[in-house]
């Protein structure tokens, strides 16, 4: 059986922590920033953590060797 290919778009968007959780960059911080509060923009800078169900999907289908 051939090797599974990594989905390169997912590899650029997600990364794994040491404990196996999946980190991602939050959306809504690219443009139209004047109407967003400082607190909201500050919280968007932090990395998001995927839920457990979505972690299984990312690991199996998108990043099989991650």
Protein backbone atom coordinates (compact mmCIF):
# COMPACT_ATOMS: atom_id res chain seq x y z
CA UNK A 1 0.00 0.00 0.00
CA UNK A 2 1.40 3.43 -0.89
CA UNK A 3 2.19 6.07 1.68
CA UNK A 4 -0.58 8.46 2.63
CA UNK A 5 -0.08 12.03 1.49
CA UNK A 6 -0.22 14.90 3.93
CA UNK A 7 -2.74 17.61 3.03
CA UNK A 8 -0.32 20.50 2.61
CA UNK A 9 -2.99 23.15 3.24
CA UNK A 10 -3.70 21.57 6.63
CA UNK A 11 0.01 21.27 7.41
CA UNK A 12 0.35 25.03 6.99
CA UNK A 13 -2.64 25.77 9.23
CA UNK A 14 -2.27 23.31 12.10
CA UNK A 15 0.54 22.25 14.39
CA UNK A 16 0.71 19.78 17.26
CA UNK A 17 1.60 20.51 20.87
CA UNK A 18 3.76 18.19 22.92
CA UNK A 19 0.71 16.59 24.52
CA UNK A 20 -0.96 15.90 21.16
CA UNK A 21 -3.40 18.80 21.03
CA UNK A 22 -3.81 20.69 17.75
CA UNK A 23 -3.06 24.43 17.61
CA UNK A 24 -4.30 26.83 14.95
CA UNK A 25 -4.27 30.56 14.27
CA UNK A 26 -7.58 32.27 14.94
CA UNK A 27 -9.43 34.05 12.17
CA UNK A 28 -10.67 37.68 11.91
CA UNK A 29 -7.36 39.46 12.50
CA UNK A 30 -6.45 40.35 8.90
CA UNK A 31 -8.39 43.48 7.99
CA UNK A 32 -11.26 45.76 9.15
CA UNK A 33 -9.58 46.03 12.54
CA UNK A 34 -10.81 49.51 13.47
CA UNK A 35 -14.28 48.35 14.51
CA UNK A 36 -12.93 45.49 16.65
CA UNK A 37 -12.14 46.18 20.29
CA UNK A 38 -8.60 46.01 21.63
CA UNK A 39 -9.58 43.15 23.93
CA UNK A 40 -11.01 41.15 21.04
CA UNK A 41 -7.91 41.67 18.90
CA UNK A 42 -5.64 40.72 21.81
CA UNK A 43 -7.54 37.46 22.36
CA UNK A 44 -7.42 36.66 18.63
CA UNK A 45 -3.61 36.75 18.77
CA UNK A 46 -3.51 33.68 20.99
CA UNK A 47 -3.44 30.23 19.43
CA UNK A 48 -6.67 28.27 19.40
CA UNK A 49 -6.94 24.62 20.45
CA UNK A 50 -9.13 22.22 18.47
CA UNK A 51 -11.78 20.13 20.19
CA UNK A 52 -11.15 16.43 20.73
CA UNK A 53 -13.43 15.28 17.90
CA UNK A 54 -11.74 17.55 15.38
CA UNK A 55 -8.31 16.39 16.54
CA UNK A 56 -9.18 12.84 15.42
CA UNK A 57 -10.23 14.09 11.99
CA UNK A 58 -7.08 16.16 11.51
CA UNK A 59 -4.81 13.33 12.68
CA UNK A 60 -6.39 10.58 10.57
CA UNK A 61 -7.24 12.35 7.33
CA UNK A 62 -5.24 15.53 7.00
CA UNK A 63 -1.96 14.98 8.85
CA UNK A 64 -1.46 11.21 9.06
CA UNK A 65 2.23 11.53 9.99
CA UNK A 66 1.91 14.57 12.23
